[in-house]
Protein backbone atom coordinates (compact mmCIF):
# COMPACT_ATOMS: atom_id res chain seq x y z
CA MET A 1 -26.84 -11.48 -18.47
CA SER A 2 -29.89 -13.49 -17.41
CA ALA A 3 -30.55 -14.57 -13.85
CA VAL A 4 -30.07 -18.18 -14.93
CA ASN A 5 -26.64 -17.43 -16.40
CA THR A 6 -25.67 -15.51 -13.27
CA ARG A 7 -26.62 -18.46 -11.05
CA ILE A 8 -24.67 -20.86 -13.27
CA LEU A 9 -21.62 -18.59 -13.21
CA ALA A 10 -21.89 -18.22 -9.42
CA GLY A 11 -22.25 -22.00 -9.01
CA VAL A 12 -19.18 -22.70 -11.13
CA ALA A 13 -17.18 -20.07 -9.21
CA ILE A 14 -18.25 -21.51 -5.84
CA ILE A 15 -17.32 -25.05 -6.88
CA PHE A 16 -14.02 -23.80 -8.29
CA SER A 17 -13.22 -21.80 -5.12
CA PHE A 18 -14.01 -24.86 -2.98
CA ALA A 19 -11.70 -27.01 -5.11
CA VAL A 20 -8.97 -24.38 -4.85
CA ALA A 21 -9.38 -24.21 -1.06
CA LEU A 22 -9.01 -27.98 -0.81
CA SER A 23 -5.93 -28.08 -3.03
CA VAL A 24 -4.21 -25.25 -1.13
CA ALA A 25 -5.12 -26.81 2.22
CA GLY A 26 -3.48 -29.98 0.94
CA GLY A 27 -0.24 -28.10 0.30
CA GLU A 28 -0.66 -27.83 -3.47
CA SER A 29 -0.22 -24.59 -5.36
CA LEU A 30 -3.14 -22.67 -6.79
CA PRO A 31 -4.20 -23.78 -10.29
CA LYS A 32 -3.19 -21.70 -13.31
CA ILE A 33 -6.28 -20.55 -15.21
CA LYS A 34 -4.95 -18.41 -18.07
CA PRO A 35 -2.89 -15.25 -18.68
CA ALA A 36 -4.61 -12.32 -16.99
CA PRO A 37 -6.08 -9.93 -19.57
CA GLU A 38 -3.80 -6.93 -20.06
CA PHE A 39 -4.96 -3.34 -19.60
CA THR A 40 -3.68 0.20 -19.10
CA LEU A 41 -5.80 2.58 -16.98
CA THR A 42 -5.45 5.81 -14.98
CA LYS A 43 -4.60 5.77 -11.26
CA GLN A 44 -6.00 8.02 -8.56
CA ASP A 45 -2.87 10.20 -8.92
CA GLY A 46 -3.60 10.74 -12.63
CA LYS A 47 -0.73 8.54 -13.86
CA ARG A 48 -1.27 5.65 -16.26
CA LEU A 49 -0.64 2.11 -15.00
CA ALA A 50 -0.42 -1.07 -17.07
CA LEU A 51 -0.95 -4.53 -15.64
CA LYS A 52 2.44 -5.56 -17.04
CA ASP A 53 4.08 -2.80 -14.92
CA LEU A 54 3.29 -4.95 -11.86
CA ARG A 55 5.07 -8.14 -12.95
CA GLY A 56 6.85 -9.72 -9.99
CA LYS A 57 3.98 -8.99 -7.57
CA ALA A 58 0.91 -10.99 -6.55
CA LEU A 59 -2.19 -8.99 -7.47
CA ALA A 60 -5.81 -8.81 -6.32
CA ILE A 61 -8.14 -7.12 -8.82
CA THR A 62 -11.60 -5.91 -7.77
CA PHE A 63 -14.32 -3.83 -9.45
CA ILE A 64 -16.12 -1.08 -7.50
CA PHE A 65 -17.57 2.42 -7.89
CA ALA A 66 -17.07 5.30 -5.49
CA SER A 67 -20.70 6.38 -5.01
CA CYS A 68 -21.83 2.84 -4.12
CA ALA A 69 -23.56 2.94 -0.73
CA ASP A 70 -23.62 -0.73 0.22
CA THR A 71 -21.65 -3.62 -1.28
CA CYS A 72 -18.57 -1.81 -2.67
CA PRO A 73 -17.65 -0.28 0.72
CA LEU A 74 -18.02 -3.74 2.31
CA LEU A 75 -15.68 -5.25 -0.28
CA THR A 76 -13.18 -2.40 0.09
CA ALA A 77 -13.24 -2.72 3.90
CA LYS A 78 -12.59 -6.45 3.62
CA MET A 79 -9.64 -5.78 1.30
CA VAL A 80 -8.29 -3.13 3.74
CA GLY A 81 -8.34 -5.81 6.47
CA ILE A 82 -6.30 -8.12 4.23
CA GLN A 83 -3.98 -5.21 3.34
CA ASP A 84 -3.26 -4.63 7.03
CA ARG A 85 -2.64 -8.33 7.72
CA LEU A 86 -0.12 -8.61 4.85
CA GLY A 87 2.25 -6.32 6.76
CA SER A 88 5.53 -5.53 5.00
CA ASP A 89 4.62 -7.71 2.00
CA PHE A 90 1.92 -5.19 1.01
CA GLY A 91 3.33 -2.97 -1.71
CA PRO A 92 6.66 -4.66 -2.45
CA LYS A 93 5.19 -8.15 -2.99
CA VAL A 94 1.39 -7.79 -3.07
CA TYR A 95 -0.56 -5.09 -4.91
CA PHE A 96 -4.30 -4.40 -5.08
CA LEU A 97 -6.13 -2.90 -8.06
CA SER A 98 -9.69 -1.56 -7.73
CA ILE A 99 -11.22 -0.70 -11.10
CA THR A 100 -14.28 1.52 -11.31
CA VAL A 101 -17.37 0.50 -13.28
CA ASP A 102 -18.53 4.15 -13.30
CA ALA A 103 -16.04 5.87 -15.60
CA GLU A 104 -18.24 8.94 -16.10
CA ARG A 105 -18.28 9.92 -12.43
CA ASP A 106 -15.17 8.29 -10.98
CA THR A 107 -12.40 10.68 -11.93
CA PRO A 108 -8.91 10.19 -10.44
CA GLU A 109 -9.75 12.86 -7.84
CA VAL A 110 -12.96 11.08 -6.81
CA LEU A 111 -11.12 7.76 -6.51
CA LYS A 112 -8.33 9.40 -4.51
CA ARG A 113 -10.88 10.65 -1.96
CA TYR A 114 -12.52 7.21 -1.89
CA ALA A 115 -9.15 5.49 -1.29
CA GLU A 116 -8.20 7.93 1.48
CA GLY A 117 -11.64 7.61 3.10
CA HIS A 118 -11.23 3.84 3.29
CA LYS A 119 -7.60 3.96 4.50
CA ALA A 120 -6.24 2.19 1.42
CA ASN A 121 -2.44 2.29 1.41
CA PRO A 122 -1.32 3.92 -1.89
CA ALA A 123 2.05 2.15 -1.64
CA GLY A 124 0.29 -1.04 -2.70
CA TRP A 125 -3.16 -0.12 -3.97
CA ALA A 126 -4.23 1.66 -7.13
CA PHE A 127 -7.80 2.81 -7.81
CA LEU A 128 -8.22 2.89 -11.57
CA THR A 129 -10.44 4.67 -14.05
CA GLY A 130 -10.40 5.33 -17.78
CA THR A 131 -12.63 6.20 -20.67
CA PRO A 132 -16.02 4.46 -20.76
CA ALA A 133 -14.72 2.35 -23.66
CA GLU A 134 -11.59 1.32 -21.70
CA ILE A 135 -13.64 0.36 -18.65
CA ARG A 136 -16.16 -1.62 -20.73
CA GLU A 137 -13.32 -3.56 -22.36
CA VAL A 138 -11.51 -4.35 -19.10
CA ALA A 139 -14.75 -5.39 -17.39
CA LYS A 140 -15.63 -7.66 -20.32
CA ARG A 141 -12.20 -9.31 -20.29
CA TYR A 142 -12.51 -10.04 -16.56
CA GLY A 143 -16.06 -11.39 -16.74
CA ILE A 144 -17.66 -8.34 -15.12
CA TYR A 145 -21.19 -7.42 -16.17
CA PHE A 146 -22.37 -3.91 -15.25
CA LYS A 147 -25.34 -1.71 -16.04
CA LYS A 148 -26.42 1.75 -14.89
CA THR A 149 -29.83 1.83 -13.18
CA PRO A 150 -32.35 4.67 -13.64
CA ARG A 151 -31.38 5.92 -10.14
CA GLY A 152 -27.75 6.30 -11.19
CA GLU A 153 -26.48 3.26 -9.31
CA VAL A 154 -24.40 0.64 -11.13
CA ASP A 155 -25.44 -3.01 -10.89
CA HIS A 156 -22.35 -5.12 -11.42
CA THR A 157 -20.76 -8.50 -10.88
CA PHE A 158 -18.52 -8.85 -7.83
CA LEU A 159 -15.59 -10.99 -8.92
CA THR A 160 -12.13 -10.64 -7.35
CA SER A 161 -9.23 -12.05 -9.37
CA LEU A 162 -5.83 -13.09 -8.02
CA VAL A 163 -2.94 -12.85 -10.48
CA ASP A 164 0.55 -14.22 -9.87
CA HIS A 165 3.97 -12.61 -10.41
CA ASN A 166 4.07 -13.90 -13.99
CA GLY A 167 0.73 -12.32 -14.92
CA ILE A 168 -1.23 -15.59 -14.74
CA LEU A 169 -4.80 -15.60 -13.41
CA ARG A 170 -4.86 -18.11 -10.54
CA VAL A 171 -8.19 -17.87 -8.69
CA GLN A 172 -11.39 -15.81 -8.66
CA TYR A 173 -13.77 -15.15 -5.77
CA MET A 174 -17.45 -14.55 -6.55
CA GLY A 175 -19.33 -12.00 -4.45
CA VAL A 176 -18.20 -10.22 -1.27
CA LYS A 177 -18.84 -13.00 1.25
CA PHE A 178 -15.59 -14.83 0.57
CA ASP A 179 -13.43 -15.83 3.54
CA PRO A 180 -10.70 -13.16 4.01
CA ASP A 181 -8.51 -15.76 5.74
CA GLU A 182 -8.66 -17.87 2.58
CA MET A 183 -7.72 -14.94 0.35
CA LEU A 184 -4.87 -14.02 2.69
CA ARG A 185 -3.55 -17.60 2.51
CA ASP A 186 -3.86 -17.59 -1.28
CA LEU A 187 -1.94 -14.31 -1.57
CA GLN A 188 0.74 -15.58 0.82
CA SER A 189 0.98 -18.74 -1.29
CA LEU A 190 1.60 -16.61 -4.39
CA VAL A 191 4.23 -14.58 -2.51
CA LYS A 192 6.03 -17.82 -1.59
CA GLU A 193 6.05 -18.81 -5.27
CA THR A 194 7.62 -15.44 -6.08
CA THR A 195 10.38 -15.78 -3.49
CA ALA A 196 11.05 -19.39 -4.53
CA ARG A 197 12.00 -18.32 -8.07
């Protein structure tokens, strides 16, 4: 992906997020983008998990890798803060999925240690891996570009997707500098939709 395309994508995402923030602030529900791409991957406990297994919950899907030394830990810490603020809704009504972009190194055991090190609550948060082909396909479907660097790092897009209880993609946040209060409100909005069924 060229730098120009990345800037265009980021600009569109920022405009879209701003529009979403305005609509939610005005009391409207989040827009419906499209059905969230389905996948089945392996959790940190070694069990397989399909996106469709989580129907009925509001989801936040992020992409990280465990050996990342800078941005991924910042994103994970921000998500842990949101996890804690969701209280009793976290797990039963809201579920987080963090998908690795480093399938070769991020085994379930590695992701389990990463999750525990960051105080991620396993009752409502799965860290997912798979074969390199599975990870490439999931990343592609969610608009995530990634590439290994000569130093072994993984350059990748930071895009967090919120999915509703019906499996519909509702909003995406570009980067890691999004407002956690806004994401919390968006997740709570999706929970209200679930309970209003």
